[in-house]
Amino acid sequence: MADFLKYARANPGKLSGGYFTNNTQRCMGELKRAAKIEILSVPYKTAAQAILDMKGDRLDFAFINPDFALAEYTSGTLKLLAIGSATRWQLVPNVPTLLEHLPTLDQGAMISWVGLAAPAGTPKPIAARLEAAMQRVMAKVEIKDRFRQTGIDPVFEPGAGIARRIQVEIQSFSAFAREAGIEPQ
């Protein structure tokens, strides 16, 4: 990663980086900001397309999901430069985090999450039962282990926490969009 950053700083605009979701686009923007580098950002419809272009030497790097990254790393087809989590990934402890190289990185930009939702009119007792059931499932060691095998650090967060998380992310994404010159649609 140190060599990558050194090269990118010495060669502004010569590297191309792929992304395929709004979250990976945000990761790209945050990398550029924190590293103070110029990179050609290339949008893709899928991670698989970005991976194919990296393998074909048409793309220099990409932000990709942990499960894809691990499969490509394990097969020896791609090198992992860094991971976006706050701590090193236990499956590849030799791969540094982006934070190790970029201490001003907004860690929130690197985190992706999934939530369980129900219709707005769901009665509170039913919503509470769903939340309790999800909490029991997410507490199971075998479930946590399965998630970790794919590079996901499973964390249960109650519904009230999710509401706060959504508000923080709206503010963060809005700031990113303004800085990046992305117009509201």
Protein backbone atom coordinates (compact mmCIF):
# COMPACT_ATOMS: atom_id res chain seq x y z
CA MET A 1 0.00 0.00 0.00
CA ALA A 2 2.86 2.37 0.78
CA ASP A 3 4.30 1.79 -2.71
CA PHE A 4 0.87 2.32 -4.27
CA LEU A 5 0.43 5.65 -2.48
CA LYS A 6 3.97 6.76 -3.37
CA TYR A 7 3.36 5.96 -7.05
CA ALA A 8 -0.07 7.63 -7.07
CA ARG A 9 1.35 10.82 -5.56
CA ALA A 10 4.25 10.90 -8.02
CA ASN A 11 1.97 10.20 -11.00
CA PRO A 12 -1.25 12.20 -10.60
CA GLY A 13 -4.08 10.98 -12.82
CA LYS A 14 -2.20 7.96 -14.18
CA LEU A 15 -3.94 5.31 -12.06
CA SER A 16 -7.48 4.10 -12.69
CA GLY A 17 -9.63 2.85 -9.84
CA GLY A 18 -12.91 1.00 -10.10
CA TYR A 19 -16.05 1.09 -8.01
CA PHE A 20 -19.48 -0.50 -8.51
CA THR A 21 -21.82 0.76 -5.80
CA ASN A 22 -22.51 4.10 -4.15
CA ASN A 23 -20.59 2.84 -1.12
CA THR A 24 -17.49 1.85 -3.12
CA GLN A 25 -17.73 5.19 -4.97
CA ARG A 26 -17.63 6.86 -1.58
CA CYS A 27 -14.62 4.71 -0.62
CA MET A 28 -12.85 5.92 -3.76
CA GLY A 29 -13.61 9.53 -2.94
CA GLU A 30 -12.42 9.11 0.62
CA LEU A 31 -9.18 7.45 -0.54
CA LYS A 32 -8.50 10.36 -2.87
CA ARG A 33 -9.21 12.90 -0.12
CA ALA A 34 -7.25 11.23 2.66
CA ALA A 35 -4.27 10.31 0.46
CA LYS A 36 -4.35 13.61 -1.47
CA ILE A 37 -4.07 11.78 -4.79
CA GLU A 38 -5.62 12.16 -8.24
CA ILE A 39 -7.06 8.96 -9.69
CA LEU A 40 -9.34 8.31 -12.64
CA SER A 41 -12.50 6.87 -11.03
CA VAL A 42 -14.18 4.26 -13.23
CA PRO A 43 -17.78 3.17 -12.50
CA TYR A 44 -18.75 -0.47 -13.07
CA LYS A 45 -22.09 -2.24 -12.88
CA THR A 46 -20.63 -5.21 -10.98
CA ALA A 47 -17.52 -6.17 -9.03
CA ALA A 48 -16.95 -9.03 -11.47
CA GLN A 49 -16.52 -6.56 -14.35
CA ALA A 50 -13.97 -4.55 -12.38
CA ILE A 51 -12.10 -7.74 -11.44
CA LEU A 52 -11.97 -8.83 -15.08
CA ASP A 53 -10.56 -5.46 -16.10
CA MET A 54 -7.91 -5.65 -13.37
CA LYS A 55 -6.94 -9.15 -14.55
CA GLY A 56 -6.79 -7.83 -18.13
CA ASP A 57 -4.58 -4.88 -17.11
CA ARG A 58 -7.29 -2.37 -18.11
CA LEU A 59 -7.84 -1.19 -14.51
CA ASP A 60 -5.18 -0.55 -11.88
CA PHE A 61 -7.21 -1.22 -8.72
CA ALA A 62 -10.74 -1.40 -7.36
CA PHE A 63 -12.70 -1.35 -4.15
CA ILE A 64 -14.35 -4.76 -3.96
CA ASN A 65 -16.29 -6.74 -1.35
CA PRO A 66 -14.38 -8.95 1.08
CA ASP A 67 -15.80 -12.21 -0.29
CA PHE A 68 -14.69 -11.39 -3.86
CA ALA A 69 -11.36 -10.07 -2.60
CA LEU A 70 -10.63 -13.19 -0.59
CA ALA A 71 -11.45 -15.51 -3.49
CA GLU A 72 -9.16 -13.61 -5.87
CA TYR A 73 -6.40 -13.28 -3.27
CA THR A 74 -6.57 -16.98 -2.37
CA SER A 75 -6.41 -18.01 -6.03
CA GLY A 76 -3.43 -15.70 -6.56
CA THR A 77 -5.09 -13.66 -9.30
CA LEU A 78 -5.11 -10.34 -7.41
CA LYS A 79 -3.12 -8.76 -4.62
CA LEU A 80 -4.80 -7.17 -1.63
CA LEU A 81 -3.26 -3.76 -0.99
CA ALA A 82 -5.31 -2.89 2.09
CA ILE A 83 -8.64 -3.50 3.75
CA GLY A 84 -11.18 -0.88 4.72
CA SER A 85 -12.02 -2.15 8.20
CA ALA A 86 -10.68 -0.49 11.34
CA THR A 87 -8.64 -3.57 12.26
CA ARG A 88 -6.79 -6.15 10.22
CA TRP A 89 -8.79 -9.03 8.83
CA GLN A 90 -8.06 -12.25 10.71
CA LEU A 91 -8.08 -14.30 7.48
CA VAL A 92 -5.27 -12.19 5.97
CA PRO A 93 -3.44 -10.66 8.94
CA ASN A 94 -0.50 -9.60 6.76
CA VAL A 95 -2.69 -7.16 4.79
CA PRO A 96 -2.72 -3.68 6.37
CA THR A 97 -5.75 -1.51 6.89
CA LEU A 98 -6.16 1.73 4.97
CA LEU A 99 -6.10 3.51 8.35
CA GLU A 100 -2.55 2.29 8.95
CA HIS A 101 -1.44 4.30 5.92
CA LEU A 102 -4.02 7.08 6.01
CA PRO A 103 -4.78 8.16 9.59
CA THR A 104 -7.12 10.95 8.43
CA LEU A 105 -9.34 8.48 6.57
CA ASP A 106 -13.03 8.70 7.47
CA GLN A 107 -13.55 5.15 8.69
CA GLY A 108 -17.32 5.54 8.40
CA ALA A 109 -16.92 5.80 4.63
CA MET A 110 -15.41 2.32 4.54
CA ILE A 111 -18.17 0.53 6.42
CA SER A 112 -21.01 -1.22 4.69
CA TRP A 113 -23.97 -2.61 6.58
CA VAL A 114 -27.24 -4.43 6.07
CA GLY A 115 -30.42 -3.99 8.07
CA LEU A 116 -33.63 -5.95 8.53
CA ALA A 117 -36.67 -3.82 7.74
CA ALA A 118 -40.43 -4.22 8.08
CA PRO A 119 -43.28 -2.05 6.73
CA ALA A 120 -43.80 1.24 8.57
CA GLY A 121 -47.17 0.11 9.94
CA THR A 122 -45.82 -3.04 11.62
CA PRO A 123 -47.21 -3.22 15.19
CA LYS A 124 -44.53 -2.53 17.83
CA PRO A 125 -44.89 -5.97 19.52
CA ILE A 126 -44.24 -7.72 16.19
CA ALA A 127 -41.28 -5.46 15.40
CA ALA A 128 -39.88 -6.17 18.88
CA ARG A 129 -40.23 -9.95 18.31
CA LEU A 130 -38.43 -9.66 14.97
CA GLU A 131 -35.63 -7.65 16.54
CA ALA A 132 -35.27 -10.15 19.42
CA ALA A 133 -35.19 -13.06 16.97
CA MET A 134 -32.49 -11.35 14.89
CA GLN A 135 -30.47 -10.63 18.01
CA ARG A 136 -30.63 -14.34 19.00
CA VAL A 137 -29.53 -15.43 15.52
CA MET A 138 -26.68 -12.93 15.40
CA ALA A 139 -25.44 -14.08 18.82
CA LYS A 140 -24.86 -17.65 17.59
CA VAL A 141 -21.19 -18.52 17.26
CA GLU A 142 -21.71 -20.55 14.07
CA ILE A 143 -23.45 -17.60 12.41
CA LYS A 144 -20.71 -15.18 13.44
CA ASP A 145 -18.04 -17.60 12.22
CA ARG A 146 -19.74 -18.00 8.85
CA PHE A 147 -19.90 -14.24 8.37
CA ARG A 148 -16.23 -13.85 9.37
CA GLN A 149 -15.22 -16.46 6.77
CA THR A 150 -16.50 -14.07 4.11
CA GLY A 151 -14.79 -11.01 5.57
CA ILE A 152 -17.82 -9.60 7.34
CA ASP A 153 -17.58 -8.61 10.99
CA PRO A 154 -21.11 -9.31 12.25
CA VAL A 155 -22.47 -6.76 14.68
CA PHE A 156 -26.03 -6.62 15.94
CA GLU A 157 -27.42 -3.14 16.38
CA PRO A 158 -30.95 -2.56 17.70
CA GLY A 159 -33.46 -0.66 15.60
CA ALA A 160 -32.96 2.61 17.48
CA GLY A 161 -29.24 2.45 16.65
CA ILE A 162 -30.01 1.88 12.99
CA ALA A 163 -32.18 5.01 12.89
CA ARG A 164 -29.25 7.05 14.28
CA ARG A 165 -26.83 5.35 11.84
CA ILE A 166 -29.06 6.27 8.89
CA GLN A 167 -29.13 9.94 9.95
CA VAL A 168 -25.32 10.03 10.33
CA GLU A 169 -24.89 8.36 6.92
CA ILE A 170 -27.29 10.81 5.25
CA GLN A 171 -25.17 13.68 6.55
CA SER A 172 -21.91 11.96 5.58
CA PHE A 173 -23.10 10.97 2.08
CA SER A 174 -24.50 14.48 1.55
CA ALA A 175 -21.14 16.03 2.43
CA PHE A 176 -19.35 13.57 0.13
CA ALA A 177 -21.75 14.32 -2.73
CA ARG A 178 -21.29 18.08 -2.32
CA GLU A 179 -17.47 17.75 -2.29
CA ALA A 180 -17.56 15.42 -5.31
CA GLY A 181 -19.88 17.75 -7.23
CA ILE A 182 -22.62 15.11 -7.48
CA GLU A 183 -25.93 16.77 -8.22
CA PRO A 184 -29.10 15.66 -6.38
CA GLN A 185 -31.42 13.64 -8.59
